[in-house]
């Protein structure tokens, strides 16, 4: 079973988990790394989320869908009945090592209640997997909460990160739209159906073609969401 622990090196741990849950692509990001792609299947994977080294001993079982990195269950209980983050909660979150440890402990004790704690866990894990900008920011907020490092205002930063979460799908579409016709065709195909030539094909995303209003969010996307006509904001 895959594992993820709260605490130091969150960005690197998320990167390894993301690699296990998504497929690679040859489409080049703005930082010269490559995009990952969500898998076009109905498979879900169990992940063990552990409390930090500061408060070891508690773990929570998360069930994540590969097709959209949506956290469907925690400890076998449905996370959100309508598949969406509860209104008015995201902006109030404060991701720190202590708050995530406490959230894991409380949800472990009461997986049916604890809506704010479930939301904190779902947001930090799912959105970090989708965007490495979100992963790095949460990583920094954890470090900031346990050291003299300063630089981020948690309230202001959460407003920014919520925007990344809400526009992941649209930004993924923008990125695909900034590829050539051949690139888009390959990007829309299931990985298993790609020919050897298509697997070797590489292309840099044309960032000037991306909507300026979404450029910052698109720049942080690491795992591309599959195209979907009736998209909803899932956790």
Protein backbone atom coordinates (compact mmCIF):
# COMPACT_ATOMS: atom_id res chain seq x y z
CA UNK A 1 0.00 0.00 0.00
CA UNK A 2 1.23 3.50 -0.83
CA UNK A 3 2.15 5.81 2.06
CA UNK A 4 2.40 9.56 2.63
CA UNK A 5 3.60 11.22 5.82
CA UNK A 6 2.88 14.75 6.97
CA UNK A 7 5.98 16.83 7.60
CA UNK A 8 9.41 17.50 6.10
CA UNK A 9 9.93 16.98 2.36
CA UNK A 10 6.19 17.10 1.64
CA UNK A 11 6.87 18.25 -1.94
CA UNK A 12 9.19 15.32 -2.66
CA UNK A 13 6.86 12.80 -1.01
CA UNK A 14 3.92 14.12 -3.04
CA UNK A 15 6.00 13.91 -6.22
CA UNK A 16 6.74 10.22 -5.62
CA UNK A 17 3.09 9.51 -4.85
CA UNK A 18 1.98 11.43 -7.95
CA UNK A 19 4.33 9.36 -10.09
CA UNK A 20 2.72 6.20 -8.72
CA UNK A 21 -0.83 7.40 -9.45
CA UNK A 22 -0.43 9.06 -12.88
CA UNK A 23 1.21 8.44 -16.25
CA UNK A 24 4.17 10.30 -17.69
CA UNK A 25 3.98 12.46 -20.81
CA UNK A 26 6.49 14.11 -23.13
CA UNK A 27 4.78 17.50 -22.91
CA UNK A 28 7.11 20.10 -21.48
CA UNK A 29 6.12 22.53 -18.73
CA UNK A 30 7.34 26.08 -18.28
CA UNK A 31 10.07 24.91 -15.85
CA UNK A 32 11.30 22.32 -18.40
CA UNK A 33 9.92 19.37 -16.44
CA UNK A 34 7.20 17.15 -17.89
CA UNK A 35 3.48 17.02 -17.20
CA UNK A 36 1.91 13.93 -15.67
CA UNK A 37 -1.48 12.68 -16.88
CA UNK A 38 -4.38 11.27 -14.87
CA UNK A 39 -5.30 7.74 -15.92
CA UNK A 40 -8.43 7.08 -17.94
CA UNK A 41 -9.83 4.27 -15.82
CA UNK A 42 -12.18 3.65 -12.90
CA UNK A 43 -9.45 2.34 -10.59
CA UNK A 44 -9.03 3.67 -7.07
CA UNK A 45 -6.03 3.21 -4.81
CA UNK A 46 -5.72 3.04 -1.03
CA UNK A 47 -3.11 5.31 0.55
CA UNK A 48 -2.01 5.45 4.18
CA UNK A 49 -1.62 9.03 5.41
CA UNK A 50 0.55 9.19 8.54
CA UNK A 51 0.97 11.89 11.16
CA UNK A 52 4.29 13.75 11.24
CA UNK A 53 7.44 12.65 13.11
CA UNK A 54 6.46 15.20 15.77
CA UNK A 55 3.28 13.22 16.59
CA UNK A 56 3.87 9.69 15.27
CA UNK A 57 1.53 6.77 15.66
CA UNK A 58 -1.72 7.65 13.87
CA UNK A 59 -2.56 6.82 10.27
CA UNK A 60 -5.59 7.32 8.08
CA UNK A 61 -6.64 5.26 5.04
CA UNK A 62 -7.53 7.38 2.01
CA UNK A 63 -9.06 6.05 -1.19
CA UNK A 64 -8.05 8.05 -4.28
CA UNK A 65 -9.45 7.76 -7.81
CA UNK A 66 -6.75 7.68 -10.48
CA UNK A 67 -8.86 9.43 -13.13
CA UNK A 68 -9.09 12.73 -11.21
CA UNK A 69 -7.09 12.25 -7.97
CA UNK A 70 -10.37 12.69 -6.09
CA UNK A 71 -10.28 11.43 -2.51
CA UNK A 72 -13.44 9.37 -2.38
CA UNK A 73 -13.21 7.73 1.05
CA UNK A 74 -11.45 8.22 4.38
CA UNK A 75 -11.40 5.20 6.65
CA UNK A 76 -14.07 3.65 4.43
CA UNK A 77 -16.46 6.59 4.84
CA UNK A 78 -17.55 8.86 2.00
CA UNK A 79 -15.67 12.16 2.27
CA UNK A 80 -18.21 14.54 0.70
CA UNK A 81 -21.73 13.44 -0.21
CA UNK A 82 -22.00 15.63 -3.31
CA UNK A 83 -18.37 15.20 -4.36
CA UNK A 84 -17.54 18.86 -3.76
CA UNK A 85 -15.68 20.84 -1.13
CA UNK A 86 -18.15 22.34 1.37
CA UNK A 87 -18.86 26.02 0.78
CA UNK A 88 -17.02 28.56 2.89
CA UNK A 89 -14.56 26.10 4.43
CA UNK A 90 -11.53 26.17 2.12
CA UNK A 91 -10.60 29.80 2.76
CA UNK A 92 -10.55 29.18 6.54
CA UNK A 93 -8.03 26.32 6.39
CA UNK A 94 -4.55 26.72 7.87
CA UNK A 95 -2.28 23.88 6.71
CA UNK A 96 0.41 23.36 9.34
CA UNK A 97 2.11 20.25 10.62
CA UNK A 98 0.12 20.45 13.86
CA UNK A 99 -3.24 21.10 12.17
CA UNK A 100 -2.80 18.17 9.77
CA UNK A 101 -1.69 15.86 12.58
CA UNK A 102 -4.74 16.85 14.61
CA UNK A 103 -7.03 16.42 11.59
CA UNK A 104 -5.75 12.88 11.03
CA UNK A 105 -6.25 12.02 14.70
CA UNK A 106 -9.79 13.45 14.85
CA UNK A 107 -10.96 11.86 11.58
CA UNK A 108 -9.49 8.54 12.71
CA UNK A 109 -11.67 8.75 15.82
CA UNK A 110 -14.75 10.05 13.97
CA UNK A 111 -14.62 9.48 10.18
CA UNK A 112 -18.28 10.48 9.74
CA UNK A 113 -18.09 13.91 11.39
CA UNK A 114 -15.21 16.39 11.42
CA UNK A 115 -16.12 18.11 8.14
CA UNK A 116 -13.47 20.85 8.45
CA UNK A 117 -10.77 18.29 9.28
CA UNK A 118 -11.74 16.04 6.37
CA UNK A 119 -11.68 19.06 4.07
CA UNK A 120 -8.19 20.04 5.26
CA UNK A 121 -6.84 16.55 4.58
CA UNK A 122 -8.56 16.22 1.21
CA UNK A 123 -7.40 19.65 0.06
CA UNK A 124 -3.76 19.24 1.11
CA UNK A 125 -3.36 15.79 -0.46
CA UNK A 126 -5.49 16.07 -3.60
CA UNK A 127 -4.50 19.60 -4.60
CA UNK A 128 -0.81 18.91 -3.90
CA UNK A 129 -1.00 15.94 -6.27
CA UNK A 130 -2.62 18.10 -8.94
CA UNK A 131 -0.35 21.14 -8.62
CA UNK A 132 3.25 21.27 -7.48
CA UNK A 133 2.77 24.97 -6.72
CA UNK A 134 0.18 23.96 -4.11
CA UNK A 135 2.47 21.18 -2.83
CA UNK A 136 5.41 23.57 -2.39
CA UNK A 137 3.25 26.18 -0.67
CA UNK A 138 1.82 23.68 1.82
CA UNK A 139 5.34 22.35 2.39
CA UNK A 140 6.51 25.89 3.19
CA UNK A 141 3.57 26.55 5.51
CA UNK A 142 4.42 23.37 7.44
CA UNK A 143 8.04 24.49 7.81
CA UNK A 144 6.95 28.00 8.75
CA UNK A 145 4.76 26.64 11.54
CA UNK A 146 7.60 24.74 13.22
CA UNK A 147 10.54 27.12 12.77
CA UNK A 148 11.55 30.76 12.60
CA UNK A 149 11.08 30.73 8.81
CA UNK A 150 8.64 33.43 7.75
CA UNK A 151 7.31 34.78 4.47
CA UNK A 152 3.77 33.53 3.88
CA UNK A 153 0.57 34.89 5.35
CA UNK A 154 -1.56 31.71 5.68
CA UNK A 155 -4.88 33.52 5.14
CA UNK A 156 -3.71 35.27 1.97
CA UNK A 157 -1.97 32.16 0.70
CA UNK A 158 -5.08 30.00 1.14
CA UNK A 159 -7.11 32.42 -0.99
CA UNK A 160 -4.51 31.94 -3.74
CA UNK A 161 -4.42 28.17 -3.40
CA UNK A 162 -8.21 27.86 -3.44
CA UNK A 163 -8.11 29.55 -6.84
CA UNK A 164 -5.64 26.92 -8.04
CA UNK A 165 -8.02 24.19 -6.85
CA UNK A 166 -11.09 25.68 -8.51
CA UNK A 167 -9.39 26.14 -11.89
CA UNK A 168 -7.45 22.89 -12.20
CA UNK A 169 -9.81 21.48 -14.82
CA UNK A 170 -10.00 24.67 -16.90
CA UNK A 171 -6.24 25.09 -16.72
CA UNK A 172 -5.71 21.50 -17.88
CA UNK A 173 -7.93 22.26 -20.88
CA UNK A 174 -5.95 25.45 -21.56
CA UNK A 175 -2.69 23.50 -21.52
CA UNK A 176 -4.02 20.93 -23.99
CA UNK A 177 -5.26 23.79 -26.16
CA UNK A 178 -1.74 25.24 -26.22
CA UNK A 179 -0.42 22.12 -27.94
CA UNK A 180 -0.23 21.53 -31.69
CA UNK A 181 -2.99 19.50 -33.34
CA UNK A 182 -0.79 16.39 -33.20
CA UNK A 183 0.07 17.06 -29.58
CA UNK A 184 -3.59 17.45 -28.59
CA UNK A 185 -4.47 14.22 -30.37
CA UNK A 186 -1.80 12.33 -28.45
CA UNK A 187 -2.70 14.04 -25.15
CA UNK A 188 -6.30 12.85 -25.45
CA UNK A 189 -5.42 9.21 -26.08
CA UNK A 190 -5.18 6.60 -23.32
CA UNK A 191 -1.51 5.85 -22.67
CA UNK A 192 -1.99 2.16 -23.39
CA UNK A 193 -3.18 2.91 -26.93
CA UNK A 194 -0.22 5.08 -27.95
CA UNK A 195 2.05 3.80 -30.71
CA UNK A 196 5.82 3.70 -30.26
CA UNK A 197 6.12 6.83 -32.41
CA UNK A 198 3.50 8.66 -30.33
CA UNK A 199 5.28 7.68 -27.12
CA UNK A 200 8.49 9.25 -28.43
CA UNK A 201 6.79 12.45 -29.55
CA UNK A 202 7.71 15.48 -27.44
CA UNK A 203 6.41 19.04 -27.48
CA UNK A 204 6.76 22.20 -25.45
CA UNK A 205 3.48 23.85 -24.41
CA UNK A 206 2.99 27.22 -26.14
CA UNK A 207 2.42 29.32 -23.02
CA UNK A 208 1.54 32.45 -24.98
CA UNK A 209 -1.63 30.68 -26.13
CA UNK A 210 -2.91 30.14 -22.59
CA UNK A 211 -5.56 32.50 -21.22
CA UNK A 212 -3.71 35.20 -19.27
CA UNK A 213 -6.28 34.93 -16.48
CA UNK A 214 -5.31 31.30 -15.90
CA UNK A 215 -1.60 31.47 -16.70
CA UNK A 216 -0.49 31.37 -13.06
CA UNK A 217 -2.68 28.37 -12.26
CA UNK A 218 -1.68 26.55 -15.47
CA UNK A 219 1.96 27.16 -14.62
CA UNK A 220 1.49 25.23 -11.38
CA UNK A 221 -0.41 22.27 -12.84
CA UNK A 222 1.67 19.10 -12.74
CA UNK A 223 -0.97 16.39 -13.31
CA UNK A 224 -3.34 17.11 -16.19
CA UNK A 225 -7.00 16.39 -15.57
CA UNK A 226 -8.77 14.30 -18.20
CA UNK A 227 -11.16 16.31 -20.38
CA UNK A 228 -14.74 16.13 -19.22
CA UNK A 229 -17.83 17.95 -20.46
CA UNK A 230 -19.70 18.09 -17.13
CA UNK A 231 -16.89 19.05 -14.78
CA UNK A 232 -17.44 19.66 -11.08
CA UNK A 233 -14.98 20.80 -8.44
CA UNK A 234 -14.10 17.64 -6.58
CA UNK A 235 -11.76 17.12 -3.68
